[in-house]
Protein backbone atom coordinates (compact mmCIF):
# COMPACT_ATOMS: atom_id res chain seq x y z
CA MET A 1 -29.79 -41.10 14.77
CA SER A 2 -32.02 -43.70 13.14
CA GLN A 3 -31.29 -44.64 9.53
CA LEU A 4 -34.42 -44.39 7.41
CA TYR A 5 -32.76 -44.77 4.02
CA ASP A 6 -29.72 -46.35 2.42
CA LYS A 7 -26.47 -44.69 3.39
CA GLN A 8 -25.95 -41.51 1.37
CA THR A 9 -22.57 -40.24 0.29
CA ILE A 10 -20.80 -37.03 -0.68
CA VAL A 11 -19.51 -36.67 -4.23
CA GLY A 12 -16.19 -34.93 -3.72
CA GLU A 13 -12.69 -34.99 -2.33
CA ALA A 14 -11.17 -36.33 0.85
CA ILE A 15 -10.37 -33.68 3.47
CA PRO A 16 -8.72 -35.85 6.15
CA ASN A 17 -7.62 -32.92 8.33
CA MET A 18 -10.95 -31.12 8.39
CA PRO A 19 -12.11 -29.92 11.81
CA TRP A 20 -14.37 -32.40 13.55
CA GLU A 21 -15.93 -33.22 16.92
CA ASP A 22 -18.09 -36.26 17.57
CA ARG A 23 -21.68 -35.72 18.67
CA PRO A 24 -21.74 -35.04 22.42
CA ALA A 25 -23.13 -37.76 24.66
CA GLY A 26 -26.89 -37.42 25.03
CA CYS A 27 -27.27 -35.10 22.01
CA GLU A 28 -30.03 -36.15 19.62
CA ASP A 29 -29.76 -33.18 17.24
CA VAL A 30 -28.85 -33.82 13.60
CA VAL A 31 -26.48 -30.82 13.76
CA TRP A 32 -24.38 -30.15 16.84
CA ARG A 33 -22.18 -27.23 17.87
CA SER A 34 -18.44 -27.15 18.39
CA SER A 35 -17.34 -27.09 22.01
CA ARG A 36 -14.84 -24.39 20.98
CA ASN A 37 -17.48 -21.87 19.89
CA PRO A 38 -17.04 -19.15 19.03
CA ILE A 39 -13.96 -20.22 17.10
CA ILE A 40 -13.19 -16.68 15.93
CA PRO A 41 -13.77 -13.83 18.40
CA ARG A 42 -14.95 -10.42 17.29
CA ASP A 43 -11.57 -8.77 18.03
CA LEU A 44 -9.10 -11.19 16.42
CA ILE A 45 -7.53 -8.33 14.44
CA PRO A 46 -6.94 -4.81 15.78
CA SER A 47 -9.35 -3.04 13.42
CA SER A 48 -12.37 -5.30 13.87
CA ASN A 49 -15.57 -4.49 15.69
CA SER A 50 -16.87 -7.93 14.71
CA ILE A 51 -15.96 -10.91 12.51
CA PHE A 52 -18.83 -13.08 11.26
CA ASN A 53 -20.70 -14.50 8.23
CA SER A 54 -17.48 -15.71 6.62
CA ALA A 55 -16.42 -18.33 4.07
CA VAL A 56 -13.84 -21.13 4.43
CA VAL A 57 -12.44 -23.67 1.94
CA PRO A 58 -9.70 -26.33 1.99
CA CYS A 59 -6.52 -24.93 0.42
CA ASN A 60 -3.01 -26.40 -0.06
CA GLY A 61 -3.35 -28.94 2.74
CA GLY A 62 -4.81 -26.39 5.14
CA PHE A 63 -7.66 -23.92 4.97
CA ALA A 64 -8.20 -20.40 3.67
CA GLY A 65 -11.10 -18.02 3.73
CA VAL A 66 -12.64 -14.63 3.17
CA PHE A 67 -13.96 -12.99 6.31
CA ARG A 68 -16.48 -10.27 6.94
CA CYS A 69 -14.68 -7.93 9.33
CA ASP A 70 -16.78 -4.89 10.18
CA ASN A 71 -14.25 -2.35 11.38
CA LYS A 72 -14.39 0.14 14.22
CA ALA A 73 -15.80 2.78 11.90
CA ARG A 74 -18.55 0.17 11.28
CA ARG A 75 -17.60 -0.12 7.63
CA MET A 76 -18.31 -3.56 6.16
CA VAL A 77 -15.09 -4.90 4.61
CA LEU A 78 -13.54 -8.22 3.58
CA HIS A 79 -10.27 -9.74 4.79
CA SER A 80 -8.48 -12.93 3.79
CA GLY A 81 -7.23 -15.50 6.27
CA LYS A 82 -5.43 -18.83 6.53
CA SER A 83 -5.39 -21.72 8.99
CA SER A 84 -3.64 -25.08 9.33
CA ASP A 85 -6.58 -26.75 11.07
CA GLY A 86 -9.67 -24.70 10.17
CA ILE A 87 -10.07 -23.57 13.78
CA ARG A 88 -7.13 -21.32 14.66
CA TRP A 89 -6.98 -18.49 12.17
CA GLU A 90 -4.56 -15.81 11.08
CA ILE A 91 -6.55 -13.06 9.40
CA ASP A 92 -4.78 -10.39 7.39
CA HIS A 93 -4.93 -7.03 9.14
CA ASP A 94 -5.45 -5.22 5.84
CA MET A 95 -8.70 -5.51 3.91
CA ILE A 96 -8.76 -7.21 0.51
CA GLU A 97 -7.94 -4.80 -2.31
CA PHE A 98 -9.44 -6.30 -5.46
CA ILE A 99 -7.51 -5.86 -8.71
CA CYS A 100 -9.97 -4.60 -11.31
CA ASP A 101 -9.47 -3.07 -14.77
CA ASP A 102 -12.80 -1.25 -14.67
CA LYS A 103 -12.78 1.58 -12.15
CA GLU A 104 -16.57 1.78 -12.07
CA VAL A 105 -16.99 -1.89 -11.19
CA GLY A 106 -13.95 -1.89 -8.92
CA TYR A 107 -15.05 1.04 -6.76
CA PHE A 108 -15.50 -0.44 -3.29
CA GLU A 109 -18.28 0.98 -1.12
CA TYR A 110 -18.80 -2.05 1.12
CA GLY A 111 -18.64 -5.84 1.10
CA TYR A 112 -20.25 -8.42 3.33
CA ASP A 113 -21.41 -12.02 3.77
CA PRO A 114 -18.87 -13.62 1.39
CA ARG A 115 -18.94 -17.14 0.00
CA VAL A 116 -15.95 -18.94 -1.52
CA CYS A 117 -16.14 -21.80 -4.02
CA TRP A 118 -13.39 -23.82 -5.71
CA LEU A 119 -14.48 -24.06 -9.33
CA GLU A 120 -12.36 -25.48 -12.16
CA ASP A 121 -9.00 -23.77 -11.61
CA ARG A 122 -9.55 -21.03 -9.03
CA TYR A 123 -11.35 -19.94 -5.91
CA TYR A 124 -14.33 -17.76 -6.75
CA VAL A 125 -15.52 -15.23 -4.19
CA THR A 126 -19.07 -13.91 -4.18
CA TRP A 127 -20.27 -11.29 -1.73
CA CYS A 128 -22.85 -8.60 -1.20
CA ASN A 129 -21.28 -5.75 -3.12
CA TRP A 130 -22.51 -2.21 -3.67
CA TYR A 131 -23.38 -0.82 -7.09
CA HIS A 132 -26.17 1.73 -6.69
CA GLY A 133 -27.53 -0.63 -4.07
CA PRO A 134 -26.69 -4.13 -2.87
CA THR A 135 -25.79 -6.58 -5.60
CA ILE A 136 -23.64 -9.70 -5.96
CA GLY A 137 -19.96 -9.06 -6.47
CA VAL A 138 -17.84 -11.71 -8.17
CA GLY A 139 -14.09 -12.10 -7.86
CA TYR A 140 -11.48 -14.81 -7.78
CA THR A 141 -8.09 -15.72 -6.37
CA TYR A 142 -5.53 -18.43 -6.87
CA ASP A 143 -3.60 -17.96 -3.65
CA PHE A 144 -5.67 -15.86 -1.20
CA CYS A 145 -3.02 -13.16 -1.56
CA HIS A 146 -4.09 -11.53 -4.83
CA PHE A 147 -7.77 -11.05 -5.58
CA TYR A 148 -9.28 -10.08 -8.94
CA GLN A 149 -12.71 -8.56 -9.40
CA ALA A 150 -15.00 -9.40 -12.32
CA GLU A 151 -18.37 -8.00 -13.34
CA ASN A 152 -21.16 -7.95 -10.78
CA ALA A 153 -23.51 -10.86 -11.37
CA PHE A 154 -26.84 -9.04 -11.19
CA LEU A 155 -28.53 -5.68 -11.00
CA PRO A 156 -29.43 -4.30 -7.59
CA PHE A 157 -31.06 -5.37 -5.42
CA ASN A 158 -29.72 -8.82 -4.63
CA ARG A 159 -27.94 -10.73 -1.88
CA ASN A 160 -26.73 -14.23 -0.95
CA GLY A 161 -25.01 -15.14 -4.20
CA VAL A 162 -23.86 -18.76 -3.90
CA LEU A 163 -22.07 -20.59 -6.72
CA PHE A 164 -22.38 -24.30 -7.43
CA PRO A 165 -18.98 -26.10 -7.36
CA ARG A 166 -19.30 -27.36 -10.94
CA LYS A 167 -21.08 -26.39 -14.14
CA ILE A 168 -24.70 -27.43 -14.67
CA GLY A 169 -25.52 -28.33 -18.27
CA GLY A 170 -22.31 -26.66 -19.41
CA ASN A 171 -23.00 -23.37 -17.60
CA TYR A 172 -21.87 -21.79 -14.37
CA ALA A 173 -24.71 -21.78 -11.86
CA MET A 174 -25.59 -19.53 -8.93
CA LEU A 175 -28.27 -19.18 -6.29
CA SER A 176 -29.35 -15.72 -5.15
CA ARG A 177 -32.00 -13.88 -3.17
CA PRO A 178 -33.48 -10.74 -4.79
CA SER A 179 -34.01 -8.09 -2.13
CA ASP A 180 -34.54 -4.39 -1.57
CA ASN A 181 -32.28 -1.54 -0.46
CA GLY A 182 -32.89 -2.08 3.25
CA HIS A 183 -33.24 -5.00 5.60
CA THR A 184 -35.67 -6.74 3.24
CA PRO A 185 -38.76 -8.19 4.95
CA PHE A 186 -39.21 -10.71 2.10
CA GLY A 187 -37.14 -13.00 -0.08
CA ASP A 188 -37.15 -16.22 -2.12
CA ILE A 189 -34.23 -18.22 -3.50
CA PHE A 190 -33.65 -18.10 -7.27
CA TYR A 191 -31.31 -19.96 -9.63
CA SER A 192 -29.38 -18.46 -12.57
CA GLU A 193 -26.89 -19.69 -15.17
CA SER A 194 -24.03 -18.09 -17.11
CA PRO A 195 -21.86 -19.33 -19.99
CA ASP A 196 -18.94 -17.09 -19.00
CA MET A 197 -19.39 -15.85 -15.39
CA CYS A 198 -20.38 -12.48 -16.85
CA TYR A 199 -23.81 -12.69 -18.49
CA TRP A 200 -26.45 -14.33 -16.31
CA GLY A 201 -29.83 -15.67 -17.38
CA LYS A 202 -32.10 -18.73 -17.37
CA HIS A 203 -33.48 -17.47 -14.07
CA ARG A 204 -35.61 -20.01 -12.21
CA HIS A 205 -37.50 -19.84 -8.94
CA VAL A 206 -36.19 -22.40 -6.44
CA MET A 207 -38.26 -21.96 -3.31
CA ALA A 208 -40.15 -19.39 -1.29
CA SER A 209 -40.40 -18.51 2.36
CA SER A 210 -42.67 -20.88 4.23
CA ARG A 211 -44.04 -21.29 7.75
CA GLY A 212 -42.64 -20.73 11.19
CA TRP A 213 -38.89 -20.10 11.43
CA GLN A 214 -38.64 -19.41 7.66
CA SER A 215 -41.80 -17.36 7.20
CA THR A 216 -40.26 -13.93 6.46
CA LYS A 217 -37.43 -14.72 4.02
CA ILE A 218 -34.86 -17.34 3.09
CA GLY A 219 -31.43 -17.35 1.44
CA ALA A 220 -28.84 -19.89 0.32
CA GLY A 221 -25.94 -20.46 2.70
CA PRO A 222 -22.76 -22.47 1.92
CA THR A 223 -21.75 -23.77 -1.49
CA PRO A 224 -24.16 -26.66 -2.19
CA ILE A 225 -22.72 -30.10 -1.45
CA GLU A 226 -23.08 -32.69 -4.21
CA THR A 227 -24.39 -36.02 -2.89
CA THR A 228 -25.79 -39.20 -4.37
CA GLU A 229 -29.27 -37.90 -3.47
CA GLY A 230 -28.96 -34.43 -4.99
CA TRP A 231 -27.48 -31.08 -4.08
CA LEU A 232 -27.54 -30.62 -0.32
CA MET A 233 -28.31 -26.94 0.21
CA ILE A 234 -28.00 -25.51 3.71
CA TYR A 235 -29.88 -22.23 3.91
CA HIS A 236 -30.99 -19.60 6.38
CA GLY A 237 -34.56 -18.70 7.19
CA VAL A 238 -36.00 -15.75 9.07
CA ILE A 239 -39.07 -15.27 11.21
CA THR A 240 -40.19 -11.83 12.37
CA SER A 241 -40.75 -11.95 16.11
CA CYS A 242 -42.12 -9.21 18.34
CA ASN A 243 -38.46 -8.31 18.98
CA GLY A 244 -37.29 -8.37 15.34
CA PHE A 245 -35.78 -10.88 12.92
CA VAL A 246 -34.62 -14.32 14.12
CA TYR A 247 -32.25 -16.21 11.77
CA SER A 248 -32.09 -20.02 11.81
CA ALA A 249 -30.74 -22.68 9.43
CA GLY A 250 -32.43 -25.45 7.47
CA ALA A 251 -31.53 -27.82 4.64
CA ALA A 252 -32.98 -28.94 1.32
CA LEU A 253 -32.17 -31.41 -1.44
CA LEU A 254 -32.14 -30.07 -5.00
CA ASP A 255 -32.21 -32.06 -8.23
CA LEU A 256 -28.68 -32.66 -9.56
CA ASP A 257 -29.46 -31.76 -13.18
CA GLU A 258 -32.16 -29.15 -12.58
CA PRO A 259 -31.27 -27.57 -9.23
CA TRP A 260 -34.26 -25.25 -9.26
CA LYS A 261 -36.38 -28.32 -8.54
CA VAL A 262 -36.63 -28.93 -4.79
CA LEU A 263 -36.92 -32.61 -3.87
CA TYR A 264 -37.11 -32.28 -0.09
CA ARG A 265 -37.00 -29.41 2.39
CA THR A 266 -36.90 -29.37 6.17
CA GLU A 267 -39.99 -28.10 7.94
CA PRO A 268 -38.12 -27.82 11.29
CA TYR A 269 -34.84 -25.94 11.49
CA ILE A 270 -31.55 -27.80 11.91
CA LEU A 271 -29.91 -25.03 13.96
CA SER A 272 -31.35 -21.96 15.65
CA PRO A 273 -29.99 -19.21 17.93
CA GLN A 274 -30.02 -20.69 21.42
CA LYS A 275 -26.51 -20.21 22.82
CA LEU A 276 -25.37 -16.92 24.35
CA TYR A 277 -22.98 -16.17 21.46
CA GLU A 278 -25.89 -16.59 19.00
CA CYS A 279 -28.43 -14.61 21.01
CA VAL A 280 -26.32 -11.70 22.28
CA GLY A 281 -24.26 -9.48 20.02
CA ASP A 282 -24.51 -6.62 17.55
CA VAL A 283 -27.61 -8.27 16.03
CA PRO A 284 -29.25 -10.66 18.50
CA ASN A 285 -30.70 -14.05 17.59
CA VAL A 286 -28.76 -14.90 14.42
CA VAL A 287 -27.40 -18.18 13.07
CA PHE A 288 -26.10 -17.46 9.55
CA PRO A 289 -24.28 -20.30 7.72
CA CYS A 290 -21.85 -19.25 4.94
CA ALA A 291 -19.52 -22.22 4.47
CA ALA A 292 -19.39 -26.00 4.79
CA VAL A 293 -16.32 -28.23 4.51
CA SER A 294 -17.10 -31.86 3.70
CA ASP A 295 -15.04 -35.07 3.63
CA ALA A 296 -16.34 -37.56 1.08
CA PRO A 297 -14.91 -40.81 2.58
CA THR A 298 -16.37 -40.22 6.08
CA GLY A 299 -19.42 -38.10 5.17
CA ARG A 300 -18.43 -35.52 7.76
CA ILE A 301 -19.58 -31.91 7.34
CA ALA A 302 -18.25 -28.89 9.26
CA ILE A 303 -20.50 -25.84 8.97
CA TYR A 304 -19.16 -22.32 9.55
CA TYR A 305 -21.76 -19.80 10.63
CA GLY A 306 -22.01 -16.31 12.03
CA GLY A 307 -23.34 -15.86 15.54
CA ALA A 308 -25.35 -12.72 16.40
CA ASP A 309 -23.52 -10.77 13.63
CA THR A 310 -20.51 -10.73 15.95
CA VAL A 311 -18.45 -13.96 15.90
CA VAL A 312 -17.71 -17.02 13.75
CA CYS A 313 -18.94 -20.40 15.01
CA MET A 314 -18.84 -24.01 13.86
CA ALA A 315 -21.25 -26.94 13.86
CA PHE A 316 -21.05 -30.53 12.61
CA ALA A 317 -23.21 -33.13 10.85
CA GLN A 318 -22.97 -36.51 9.14
CA VAL A 319 -24.22 -36.35 5.55
CA ASP A 320 -26.30 -39.54 5.68
CA GLU A 321 -27.99 -38.47 8.91
CA LEU A 322 -28.66 -34.98 7.59
CA ILE A 323 -30.13 -36.28 4.33
CA ASP A 324 -32.31 -38.73 6.25
CA PHE A 325 -33.49 -35.86 8.44
CA VAL A 326 -34.33 -33.68 5.42
CA LYS A 327 -36.31 -36.51 3.81
CA SER A 328 -38.18 -37.56 6.91
CA HIS A 329 -39.01 -33.98 8.00
CA SER A 330 -39.82 -32.51 4.59
CA ARG A 331 -42.65 -30.18 3.72
CA LEU A 332 -42.59 -28.57 0.28
């Protein structure tokens, strides 16, 4: 890839054992797929109909995560899992049972599309929860064995709640995508802040759906990655084709101090459903990124994404190349 700007770097920790594959010979794409895809099959645990749209973080020298495991009754539930290398996973056979003092908040109807973010002293989990409609559930864990549920972040209807990995201006910060009670043929990304992870306000519009692959709706994907150029936000975008929704992935750079201000945004996608495991499954034609592991010294990024609402896949990028691509292919 050509370098159009000075080398950009990740602000963060070293993850020397993160999963990685070099770009295949002859590949010119800024993001490339793992040769091991799908890394998690739909039937890894006995109860699962499918495992997809899941979140992974470094943890205690290995990796841990929260996984969307739709079961054979087609109930949408969350399971925890651990891995030594981020590729071969052991997922708990039992769903996560959140510990919650408030029975009304803690009543579990469904949970899907989780994100996990290390923030201060714990791993926060956000997911699409149910409370008289889809909303953003918030919980946390210290060990991926015991999970505690807090207050839901917002009223229904909302999805794609994604926390920033540090406070902004002294407040916790989250991206979300207000929605409806169905499959939502619209959607923009918004930003909100909270002093205590309970009361959310200072809502700001970040960006709207646009043209082409992101013309129907958009939503934040993995935890934003802090870089010297701004917050690198990988997001999904949807176009409505004659055969239904098609989900692809793009990237944007947000201002470090005011993340609702978009500096650059890709007009072309960085990854779209083209492989069989992305095009054929319970929901065809879906690439849905939910997690990204990044190594600051090397600038390597490993992206975890759901394929066709059926399996978990992985793709890779170099941060400087991806930032250059966002800048040189931007249309706000």
